[in-house]
């Protein structure tokens, strides 16, 4: 006899990982505009 396939167990929902705080991006230094 063929054994009945066991029903797949429902996967537990993964706990939401705490989002890491975004690191403040260093402000780009303004390039000096060449004087005409």
PDB file of N, CA and C in Angstrom:
ATOM      1  N   UNK A   1       0.829  -1.208   0.000  1.00  0.00           N
ATOM      2  CA  UNK A   1       0.000   0.000   0.000  1.00  0.00           C
ATOM      3  C   UNK A   1       0.866   1.262   0.000  1.00  0.00           C
ATOM      4  N   UNK A   2       0.357   2.223  -0.712  1.00  0.00           N
ATOM      5  CA  UNK A   2       1.090   3.484  -0.776  1.00  0.00           C
ATOM      6  C   UNK A   2       0.690   4.314   0.441  1.00  0.00           C
ATOM      7  N   UNK A   3       1.685   4.688   1.210  1.00  0.00           N
ATOM      8  CA  UNK A   3       1.383   5.465   2.412  1.00  0.00           C
ATOM      9  C   UNK A   3       0.904   6.864   2.000  1.00  0.00           C
ATOM     10  N   UNK A   4      -0.119   7.374   2.659  1.00  0.00           N
ATOM     11  CA  UNK A   4      -0.597   8.716   2.282  1.00  0.00           C
ATOM     12  C   UNK A   4       0.450   9.776   2.603  1.00  0.00           C
ATOM     13  N   UNK A   5       0.545  10.700   1.690  1.00  0.00           N
ATOM     14  CA  UNK A   5       1.556  11.773   1.868  1.00  0.00           C
ATOM     15  C   UNK A   5       1.160  12.630   3.072  1.00  0.00           C
ATOM     16  N   UNK A   6       2.123  12.883   3.959  1.00  0.00           N
ATOM     17  CA  UNK A   6       1.767  13.730   5.107  1.00  0.00           C
ATOM     18  C   UNK A   6       1.556  15.165   4.669  1.00  0.00           C
ATOM     19  N   UNK A   7       0.562  15.793   5.273  1.00  0.00           N
ATOM     20  CA  UNK A   7       0.274  17.182   4.920  1.00  0.00           C
ATOM     21  C   UNK A   7       1.424  18.056   5.397  1.00  0.00           C
ATOM     22  N   UNK A   8       1.865  18.980   4.558  1.00  0.00           N
ATOM     23  CA  UNK A   8       2.988  19.839   4.989  1.00  0.00           C
ATOM     24  C   UNK A   8       2.557  20.751   6.131  1.00  0.00           C
ATOM     25  N   UNK A   9       3.401  20.815   7.125  1.00  0.00           N
ATOM     26  CA  UNK A   9       3.094  21.657   8.279  1.00  0.00           C
ATOM     27  C   UNK A   9       3.188  23.124   7.865  1.00  0.00           C
ATOM     28  N   UNK A  10       2.258  23.949   8.336  1.00  0.00           N
ATOM     29  CA  UNK A  10       2.342  25.363   7.962  1.00  0.00           C
ATOM     30  C   UNK A  10       3.590  25.999   8.572  1.00  0.00           C
ATOM     31  N   UNK A  11       4.318  26.674   7.739  1.00  0.00           N
ATOM     32  CA  UNK A  11       5.569  27.307   8.196  1.00  0.00           C
ATOM     33  C   UNK A  11       5.238  28.457   9.152  1.00  0.00           C
ATOM     34  N   UNK A  12       5.964  28.533  10.250  1.00  0.00           N
ATOM     35  CA  UNK A  12       5.681  29.661  11.159  1.00  0.00           C
ATOM     36  C   UNK A  12       6.117  30.977  10.525  1.00  0.00           C
ATOM     37  N   UNK A  13       5.294  31.982  10.718  1.00  0.00           N
ATOM     38  CA  UNK A  13       5.604  33.277  10.108  1.00  0.00           C
ATOM     39  C   UNK A  13       6.861  33.843  10.766  1.00  0.00           C
ATOM     40  N   UNK A  14       7.811  34.291   9.971  1.00  0.00           N
ATOM     41  CA  UNK A  14       9.032  34.840  10.575  1.00  0.00           C
ATOM     42  C   UNK A  14       8.755  36.162  11.279  1.00  0.00           C
ATOM     43  N   UNK A  15       9.376  36.316  12.421  1.00  0.00           N
ATOM     44  CA  UNK A  15       9.178  37.547  13.185  1.00  0.00           C
ATOM     45  C   UNK A  15       9.836  38.697  12.424  1.00  0.00           C
ATOM     46  N   UNK A  16       9.160  39.840  12.334  1.00  0.00           N
ATOM     47  CA  UNK A  16       9.768  40.950  11.586  1.00  0.00           C
ATOM     48  C   UNK A  16      11.010  41.456  12.306  1.00  0.00           C
ATOM     49  N   UNK A  17      12.097  41.472  11.557  1.00  0.00           N
ATOM     50  CA  UNK A  17      13.361  41.941  12.132  1.00  0.00           C
ATOM     51  C   UNK A  17      13.310  43.457  12.314  1.00  0.00           C
ATOM     52  N   UNK A  18      13.847  43.954  13.418  1.00  0.00           N
ATOM     53  CA  UNK A  18      13.837  45.412  13.587  1.00  0.00           C
ATOM     54  C   UNK A  18      14.722  46.071  12.528  1.00  0.00           C
ATOM     55  N   UNK A  19      14.146  47.054  11.859  1.00  0.00           N
ATOM     56  CA  UNK A  19      14.897  47.714  10.784  1.00  0.00           C
ATOM     57  C   UNK A  19      16.051  48.511  11.382  1.00  0.00           C
ATOM     58  N   UNK A  20      17.238  48.342  10.803  1.00  0.00           N
ATOM     59  CA  UNK A  20      18.366  49.115  11.336  1.00  0.00           C
ATOM     60  C   UNK A  20      18.209  50.588  11.015  1.00  0.00           C
ATOM     61  N   UNK A  21      18.608  51.408  11.964  1.00  0.00           N
ATOM     62  CA  UNK A  21      18.476  52.856  11.765  1.00  0.00           C
ATOM     63  C   UNK A  21      19.413  53.275  10.636  1.00  0.00           C
ATOM     64  N   UNK A  22      18.903  54.071   9.690  1.00  0.00           N
ATOM     65  CA  UNK A  22      19.778  54.467   8.575  1.00  0.00           C
ATOM     66  C   UNK A  22      20.870  55.405   9.057  1.00  0.00           C
ATOM     67  N   UNK A  23      22.075  55.088   8.592  1.00  0.00           N
ATOM     68  CA  UNK A  23      23.220  55.928   8.974  1.00  0.00           C
ATOM     69  C   UNK A  23      23.130  57.255   8.231  1.00  0.00           C
ATOM     70  N   UNK A  24      23.407  58.360   8.917  1.00  0.00           N
ATOM     71  CA  UNK A  24      23.317  59.634   8.209  1.00  0.00           C
ATOM     72  C   UNK A  24      24.402  59.730   7.132  1.00  0.00           C
ATOM     73  N   UNK A  25      23.956  59.996   5.927  1.00  0.00           N
ATOM     74  CA  UNK A  25      24.909  60.085   4.807  1.00  0.00           C
ATOM     75  C   UNK A  25      25.681  61.395   4.919  1.00  0.00           C
ATOM     76  N   UNK A  26      26.987  61.321   4.695  1.00  0.00           N
ATOM     77  CA  UNK A  26      27.748  62.586   4.759  1.00  0.00           C
ATOM     78  C   UNK A  26      27.350  63.500   3.614  1.00  0.00           C
ATOM     79  N   UNK A  27      27.113  64.757   3.953  1.00  0.00           N
ATOM     80  CA  UNK A  27      26.682  65.718   2.925  1.00  0.00           C
ATOM     81  C   UNK A  27      27.844  65.954   1.962  1.00  0.00           C
ATOM     82  N   UNK A  28      27.561  65.913   0.660  1.00  0.00           N
ATOM     83  CA  UNK A  28      28.651  66.144  -0.295  1.00  0.00           C
ATOM     84  C   UNK A  28      29.087  67.608  -0.263  1.00  0.00           C
ATOM     85  N   UNK A  29      30.388  67.773  -0.261  1.00  0.00           N
ATOM     86  CA  UNK A  29      30.926  69.141  -0.231  1.00  0.00           C
ATOM     87  C   UNK A  29      30.648  69.817  -1.568  1.00  0.00           C
ATOM     88  N   UNK A  30      30.153  71.053  -1.535  1.00  0.00           N
ATOM     89  CA  UNK A  30      29.869  71.703  -2.819  1.00  0.00           C
ATOM     90  C   UNK A  30      31.169  72.045  -3.549  1.00  0.00           C
ATOM     91  N   UNK A  31      31.198  71.641  -4.798  1.00  0.00           N
ATOM     92  CA  UNK A  31      32.400  71.896  -5.607  1.00  0.00           C
ATOM     93  C   UNK A  31      32.451  73.383  -5.965  1.00  0.00           C
ATOM     94  N   UNK A  32      33.588  73.985  -5.822  1.00  0.00           N
ATOM     95  CA  UNK A  32      33.654  75.416  -6.188  1.00  0.00           C
ATOM     96  C   UNK A  32      33.490  75.594  -7.698  1.00  0.00           C
ATOM     97  N   UNK A  33      32.545  76.439  -8.047  1.00  0.00           N
ATOM     98  CA  UNK A  33      32.282  76.668  -9.472  1.00  0.00           C
ATOM     99  C   UNK A  33      33.417  77.530 -10.040  1.00  0.00           C
ATOM    100  N   UNK A  34      33.908  77.119 -11.196  1.00  0.00           N
ATOM    101  CA  UNK A  34      34.992  77.938 -11.776  1.00  0.00           C
ATOM    102  C   UNK A  34      34.460  79.286 -12.255  1.00  0.00           C
ATOM    103  N   UNK A  35      35.130  80.324 -11.841  1.00  0.00           N
ATOM    104  CA  UNK A  35      34.685  81.672 -12.240  1.00  0.00           C
ATOM    105  C   UNK A  35      34.977  81.882 -13.726  1.00  0.00           C
ATOM    106  N   UNK A  36      34.031  82.453 -14.430  1.00  0.00           N
ATOM    107  CA  UNK A  36      34.294  82.663 -15.859  1.00  0.00           C
ATOM    108  C   UNK A  36      35.345  83.765 -16.102  1.00  0.00           C
TER     109      UNK A  36
END
